[in-house]
C-alpha atoms as a PDB file:
ATOM      1  CA  UNK A   1      38.777 -39.772  43.387  1.00  0.00           C
ATOM      2  CA  UNK A   2      37.210 -36.799  45.133  1.00  0.00           C
ATOM      3  CA  UNK A   3      38.743 -34.283  47.486  1.00  0.00           C
ATOM      4  CA  UNK A   4      36.504 -35.513  50.316  1.00  0.00           C
ATOM      5  CA  UNK A   5      37.718 -39.113  49.907  1.00  0.00           C
ATOM      6  CA  UNK A   6      41.311 -37.896  50.196  1.00  0.00           C
ATOM      7  CA  UNK A   7      40.576 -35.950  53.367  1.00  0.00           C
ATOM      8  CA  UNK A   8      38.888 -39.013  54.909  1.00  0.00           C
ATOM      9  CA  UNK A   9      42.165 -40.909  54.875  1.00  0.00           C
ATOM     10  CA  UNK A  10      44.064 -40.963  58.152  1.00  0.00           C
ATOM     11  CA  UNK A  11      47.375 -39.149  58.073  1.00  0.00           C
ATOM     12  CA  UNK A  12      50.508 -41.215  58.535  1.00  0.00           C
ATOM     13  CA  UNK A  13      51.700 -41.270  62.127  1.00  0.00           C
ATOM     14  CA  UNK A  14      55.035 -39.602  62.718  1.00  0.00           C
ATOM     15  CA  UNK A  15      57.891 -41.929  63.538  1.00  0.00           C
ATOM     16  CA  UNK A  16      59.550 -41.325  66.868  1.00  0.00           C
ATOM     17  CA  UNK A  17      61.068 -43.051  69.849  1.00  0.00           C
ATOM     18  CA  UNK A  18      59.810 -42.615  73.373  1.00  0.00           C
ATOM     19  CA  UNK A  19      61.761 -42.509  76.585  1.00  0.00           C
ATOM     20  CA  UNK A  20      61.303 -45.840  78.316  1.00  0.00           C
ATOM     21  CA  UNK A  21      61.334 -45.865  82.115  1.00  0.00           C
ATOM     22  CA  UNK A  22      60.662 -49.329  83.517  1.00  0.00           C
ATOM     23  CA  UNK A  23      58.467 -49.446  86.602  1.00  0.00           C
ATOM     24  CA  UNK A  24      60.201 -51.593  89.247  1.00  0.00           C
ATOM     25  CA  UNK A  25      57.079 -53.336  90.640  1.00  0.00           C
ATOM     26  CA  UNK A  26      55.217 -54.067  87.453  1.00  0.00           C
ATOM     27  CA  UNK A  27      53.419 -57.222  86.451  1.00  0.00           C
ATOM     28  CA  UNK A  28      52.143 -58.145  83.027  1.00  0.00           C
ATOM     29  CA  UNK A  29      49.402 -60.333  81.730  1.00  0.00           C
ATOM     30  CA  UNK A  30      47.711 -62.084  78.871  1.00  0.00           C
ATOM     31  CA  UNK A  31      46.129 -59.281  76.869  1.00  0.00           C
ATOM     32  CA  UNK A  32      43.810 -59.117  73.929  1.00  0.00           C
ATOM     33  CA  UNK A  33      43.516 -55.768  72.178  1.00  0.00           C
ATOM     34  CA  UNK A  34      40.558 -54.851  70.040  1.00  0.00           C
ATOM     35  CA  UNK A  35      41.361 -51.516  68.396  1.00  0.00           C
ATOM     36  CA  UNK A  36      38.107 -50.203  66.962  1.00  0.00           C
ATOM     37  CA  UNK A  37      38.267 -48.650  63.495  1.00  0.00           C
ATOM     38  CA  UNK A  38      39.349 -45.020  63.754  1.00  0.00           C
ATOM     39  CA  UNK A  39      38.625 -44.541  67.468  1.00  0.00           C
ATOM     40  CA  UNK A  40      41.758 -46.099  68.972  1.00  0.00           C
ATOM     41  CA  UNK A  41      39.731 -48.163  71.440  1.00  0.00           C
ATOM     42  CA  UNK A  42      41.017 -51.492  72.747  1.00  0.00           C
ATOM     43  CA  UNK A  43      40.382 -53.946  75.552  1.00  0.00           C
ATOM     44  CA  UNK A  44      42.006 -56.861  77.285  1.00  0.00           C
ATOM     45  CA  UNK A  45      43.328 -58.250  80.531  1.00  0.00           C
ATOM     46  CA  UNK A  46      45.932 -56.117  82.278  1.00  0.00           C
ATOM     47  CA  UNK A  47      46.456 -58.755  84.973  1.00  0.00           C
ATOM     48  CA  UNK A  48      45.556 -62.411  85.415  1.00  0.00           C
ATOM     49  CA  UNK A  49      45.012 -63.985  88.801  1.00  0.00           C
ATOM     50  CA  UNK A  50      47.111 -66.912  89.988  1.00  0.00           C
ATOM     51  CA  UNK A  51      49.805 -66.787  87.285  1.00  0.00           C
ATOM     52  CA  UNK A  52      53.437 -66.169  88.243  1.00  0.00           C
ATOM     53  CA  UNK A  53      55.294 -63.529  86.235  1.00  0.00           C
ATOM     54  CA  UNK A  54      59.059 -63.410  85.616  1.00  0.00           C
ATOM     55  CA  UNK A  55      59.498 -61.354  88.799  1.00  0.00           C
ATOM     56  CA  UNK A  56      57.995 -64.221  90.868  1.00  0.00           C
ATOM     57  CA  UNK A  57      54.852 -62.225  91.646  1.00  0.00           C
ATOM     58  CA  UNK A  58      51.341 -63.687  91.600  1.00  0.00           C
ATOM     59  CA  UNK A  59      48.328 -61.364  91.755  1.00  0.00           C
ATOM     60  CA  UNK A  60      45.534 -62.808  93.881  1.00  0.00           C
ATOM     61  CA  UNK A  61      41.785 -62.387  93.239  1.00  0.00           C
ATOM     62  CA  UNK A  62      40.459 -59.193  94.825  1.00  0.00           C
ATOM     63  CA  UNK A  63      43.885 -57.506  94.890  1.00  0.00           C
ATOM     64  CA  UNK A  64      42.668 -54.515  92.860  1.00  0.00           C
ATOM     65  CA  UNK A  65      39.216 -54.092  94.439  1.00  0.00           C
ATOM     66  CA  UNK A  66      40.013 -51.292  96.929  1.00  0.00           C
ATOM     67  CA  UNK A  67      42.168 -49.380  94.458  1.00  0.00           C
ATOM     68  CA  UNK A  68      39.495 -49.488  91.744  1.00  0.00           C
ATOM     69  CA  UNK A  69      36.866 -48.265  94.213  1.00  0.00           C
ATOM     70  CA  UNK A  70      39.165 -45.466  95.403  1.00  0.00           C
ATOM     71  CA  UNK A  71      40.514 -44.269  92.036  1.00  0.00           C
ATOM     72  CA  UNK A  72      38.090 -45.494  89.397  1.00  0.00           C
ATOM     73  CA  UNK A  73      39.208 -45.788  85.777  1.00  0.00           C
ATOM     74  CA  UNK A  74      39.892 -42.021  85.418  1.00  0.00           C
ATOM     75  CA  UNK A  75      42.390 -42.161  88.296  1.00  0.00           C
ATOM     76  CA  UNK A  76      44.537 -44.847  86.663  1.00  0.00           C
ATOM     77  CA  UNK A  77      46.834 -43.498  83.949  1.00  0.00           C
ATOM     78  CA  UNK A  78      47.267 -45.061  80.491  1.00  0.00           C
ATOM     79  CA  UNK A  79      50.988 -44.768  79.731  1.00  0.00           C
ATOM     80  CA  UNK A  80      53.450 -45.836  77.054  1.00  0.00           C
ATOM     81  CA  UNK A  81      56.159 -48.208  78.393  1.00  0.00           C
ATOM     82  CA  UNK A  82      55.591 -47.043  82.028  1.00  0.00           C
ATOM     83  CA  UNK A  83      56.903 -43.568  81.180  1.00  0.00           C
ATOM     84  CA  UNK A  84      55.031 -40.974  83.294  1.00  0.00           C
ATOM     85  CA  UNK A  85      55.958 -38.338  80.699  1.00  0.00           C
ATOM     86  CA  UNK A  86      54.040 -40.235  77.989  1.00  0.00           C
ATOM     87  CA  UNK A  87      50.334 -40.602  78.745  1.00  0.00           C
ATOM     88  CA  UNK A  88      48.732 -41.912  75.547  1.00  0.00           C
ATOM     89  CA  UNK A  89      45.024 -42.100  76.328  1.00  0.00           C
ATOM     90  CA  UNK A  90      42.455 -42.902  78.992  1.00  0.00           C
ATOM     91  CA  UNK A  91      40.947 -45.971  80.586  1.00  0.00           C
ATOM     92  CA  UNK A  92      37.210 -46.128  79.960  1.00  0.00           C
ATOM     93  CA  UNK A  93      36.680 -48.999  82.395  1.00  0.00           C
ATOM     94  CA  UNK A  94      38.734 -51.144  84.750  1.00  0.00           C
ATOM     95  CA  UNK A  95      37.122 -54.088  86.505  1.00  0.00           C
ATOM     96  CA  UNK A  96      37.999 -57.344  88.203  1.00  0.00           C
ATOM     97  CA  UNK A  97      36.328 -60.512  86.987  1.00  0.00           C
ATOM     98  CA  UNK A  98      36.986 -64.151  87.861  1.00  0.00           C
ATOM     99  CA  UNK A  99      40.000 -64.280  85.529  1.00  0.00           C
ATOM    100  CA  UNK A 100      41.786 -61.008  86.277  1.00  0.00           C
ATOM    101  CA  UNK A 101      41.792 -57.256  85.676  1.00  0.00           C
ATOM    102  CA  UNK A 102      39.815 -56.462  82.515  1.00  0.00           C
ATOM    103  CA  UNK A 103      40.356 -53.029  80.964  1.00  0.00           C
ATOM    104  CA  UNK A 104      38.896 -50.950  78.149  1.00  0.00           C
ATOM    105  CA  UNK A 105      40.953 -48.021  76.932  1.00  0.00           C
ATOM    106  CA  UNK A 106      41.038 -45.364  74.245  1.00  0.00           C
ATOM    107  CA  UNK A 107      44.188 -43.916  72.720  1.00  0.00           C
ATOM    108  CA  UNK A 108      44.315 -40.151  72.194  1.00  0.00           C
ATOM    109  CA  UNK A 109      44.616 -40.073  68.406  1.00  0.00           C
ATOM    110  CA  UNK A 110      45.246 -36.334  68.530  1.00  0.00           C
ATOM    111  CA  UNK A 111      48.871 -37.105  69.362  1.00  0.00           C
ATOM    112  CA  UNK A 112      51.334 -38.780  67.016  1.00  0.00           C
ATOM    113  CA  UNK A 113      52.650 -41.317  69.535  1.00  0.00           C
ATOM    114  CA  UNK A 114      49.137 -42.733  70.048  1.00  0.00           C
ATOM    115  CA  UNK A 115      48.575 -43.053  66.292  1.00  0.00           C
ATOM    116  CA  UNK A 116      51.905 -44.860  66.023  1.00  0.00           C
ATOM    117  CA  UNK A 117      50.934 -47.184  68.900  1.00  0.00           C
ATOM    118  CA  UNK A 118      47.577 -47.977  67.294  1.00  0.00           C
ATOM    119  CA  UNK A 119      49.303 -48.793  64.006  1.00  0.00           C
ATOM    120  CA  UNK A 120      51.708 -51.139  65.816  1.00  0.00           C
ATOM    121  CA  UNK A 121      48.817 -52.814  67.641  1.00  0.00           C
ATOM    122  CA  UNK A 122      46.968 -53.396  64.369  1.00  0.00           C
ATOM    123  CA  UNK A 123      50.088 -54.960  62.840  1.00  0.00           C
ATOM    124  CA  UNK A 124      50.605 -57.210  65.865  1.00  0.00           C
ATOM    125  CA  UNK A 125      53.979 -55.610  66.615  1.00  0.00           C
ATOM    126  CA  UNK A 126      52.825 -54.250  69.981  1.00  0.00           C
ATOM    127  CA  UNK A 127      51.069 -56.774  72.124  1.00  0.00           C
ATOM    128  CA  UNK A 128      51.514 -56.252  75.855  1.00  0.00           C
ATOM    129  CA  UNK A 129      49.906 -54.658  78.900  1.00  0.00           C
ATOM    130  CA  UNK A 130      51.714 -54.071  82.175  1.00  0.00           C
ATOM    131  CA  UNK A 131      50.540 -52.727  85.517  1.00  0.00           C
ATOM    132  CA  UNK A 132      52.311 -50.095  87.614  1.00  0.00           C
ATOM    133  CA  UNK A 133      51.420 -50.294  91.286  1.00  0.00           C
ATOM    134  CA  UNK A 134      52.435 -50.081  94.929  1.00  0.00           C
ATOM    135  CA  UNK A 135      52.065 -53.267  96.948  1.00  0.00           C
ATOM    136  CA  UNK A 136      49.899 -52.799 100.045  1.00  0.00           C
ATOM    137  CA  UNK A 137      49.546 -56.399 101.284  1.00  0.00           C
ATOM    138  CA  UNK A 138      51.713 -59.332 100.195  1.00  0.00           C
ATOM    139  CA  UNK A 139      52.659 -62.804 101.380  1.00  0.00           C
ATOM    140  CA  UNK A 140      56.119 -64.036 100.477  1.00  0.00           C
ATOM    141  CA  UNK A 141      57.154 -67.688 100.443  1.00  0.00           C
ATOM    142  CA  UNK A 142      60.703 -67.734 101.897  1.00  0.00           C
ATOM    143  CA  UNK A 143      61.549 -71.055 100.228  1.00  0.00           C
ATOM    144  CA  UNK A 144      60.498 -70.201  96.665  1.00  0.00           C
ATOM    145  CA  UNK A 145      60.692 -66.404  96.754  1.00  0.00           C
ATOM    146  CA  UNK A 146      57.172 -66.303  95.299  1.00  0.00           C
ATOM    147  CA  UNK A 147      55.304 -63.158  96.293  1.00  0.00           C
ATOM    148  CA  UNK A 148      51.497 -63.280  96.456  1.00  0.00           C
ATOM    149  CA  UNK A 149      50.068 -59.809  95.945  1.00  0.00           C
ATOM    150  CA  UNK A 150      46.871 -59.608  97.983  1.00  0.00           C
ATOM    151  CA  UNK A 151      46.209 -55.879  97.815  1.00  0.00           C
ATOM    152  CA  UNK A 152      47.616 -53.493  95.215  1.00  0.00           C
ATOM    153  CA  UNK A 153      47.360 -49.725  94.812  1.00  0.00           C
ATOM    154  CA  UNK A 154      47.056 -49.502  91.008  1.00  0.00           C
ATOM    155  CA  UNK A 155      48.606 -46.284  89.631  1.00  0.00           C
ATOM    156  CA  UNK A 156      48.880 -46.972  85.921  1.00  0.00           C
ATOM    157  CA  UNK A 157      48.542 -49.539  83.175  1.00  0.00           C
ATOM    158  CA  UNK A 158      50.946 -49.311  80.258  1.00  0.00           C
ATOM    159  CA  UNK A 159      51.040 -50.535  76.709  1.00  0.00           C
ATOM    160  CA  UNK A 160      54.408 -52.298  76.482  1.00  0.00           C
ATOM    161  CA  UNK A 161      56.584 -54.144  74.010  1.00  0.00           C
ATOM    162  CA  UNK A 162      57.958 -56.754  76.433  1.00  0.00           C
ATOM    163  CA  UNK A 163      55.531 -57.779  79.169  1.00  0.00           C
ATOM    164  CA  UNK A 164      56.869 -59.425  82.312  1.00  0.00           C
ATOM    165  CA  UNK A 165      54.510 -62.380  81.914  1.00  0.00           C
ATOM    166  CA  UNK A 166      55.502 -64.413  78.815  1.00  0.00           C
ATOM    167  CA  UNK A 167      51.843 -65.163  77.972  1.00  0.00           C
ATOM    168  CA  UNK A 168      50.992 -61.458  77.890  1.00  0.00           C
ATOM    169  CA  UNK A 169      50.429 -61.198  74.146  1.00  0.00           C
ATOM    170  CA  UNK A 170      47.762 -59.822  71.844  1.00  0.00           C
ATOM    171  CA  UNK A 171      45.655 -62.606  70.385  1.00  0.00           C
ATOM    172  CA  UNK A 172      43.529 -60.629  67.932  1.00  0.00           C
ATOM    173  CA  UNK A 173      43.163 -57.149  66.538  1.00  0.00           C
ATOM    174  CA  UNK A 174      40.065 -55.888  64.786  1.00  0.00           C
ATOM    175  CA  UNK A 175      40.854 -54.650  61.309  1.00  0.00           C
ATOM    176  CA  UNK A 176      39.954 -51.226  60.059  1.00  0.00           C
ATOM    177  CA  UNK A 177      36.639 -51.399  58.174  1.00  0.00           C
ATOM    178  CA  UNK A 178      37.000 -51.681  54.406  1.00  0.00           C
ATOM    179  CA  UNK A 179      36.530 -48.471  52.455  1.00  0.00           C
ATOM    180  CA  UNK A 180      34.033 -48.407  49.637  1.00  0.00           C
ATOM    181  CA  UNK A 181      35.801 -48.523  46.321  1.00  0.00           C
ATOM    182  CA  UNK A 182      34.783 -46.109  43.609  1.00  0.00           C
ATOM    183  CA  UNK A 183      33.161 -48.317  40.907  1.00  0.00           C
ATOM    184  CA  UNK A 184      35.247 -46.481  38.310  1.00  0.00           C
ATOM    185  CA  UNK A 185      38.408 -48.141  39.711  1.00  0.00           C
ATOM    186  CA  UNK A 186      37.005 -51.665  40.152  1.00  0.00           C
ATOM    187  CA  UNK A 187      37.387 -54.361  37.505  1.00  0.00           C
END
């Protein structure tokens, strides 16, 4: 084993606990994360159209359009558990498609919390996305209490442990690429 192969290994992320501040008007969605090797990149749906969450909210198609045009991906924060004191990366792209709000993000691996989050994502222990927003236009059904969100001012999208929408779970995580084994150590 050479000194350079030792220095190529990622350091262990520090263990710590964040302050969790739930966002009162958040919705969650079916998310698929694809962390890419050592870069901390992932992607998935941060919101799905037409699906009721546990707060009786349903995001309608086009709800994010104005906010995305106004803010763009750089204007929407990537937070840990909706805590404004814990930004953990950046959104590379945020776009609506026919299914929902599709996002591509990158964790800042220069900070320990982000390395810990990436490790949890790779293990399947962390598997949710949740949106933080202000409702601009809504329609509420007085009989059912269902709230249709027609226009949303999107402030942030968080990586979360417990998403508000039960289906909001990671379905697959790309594994770290295999390291080449020194032939001396192989059988």
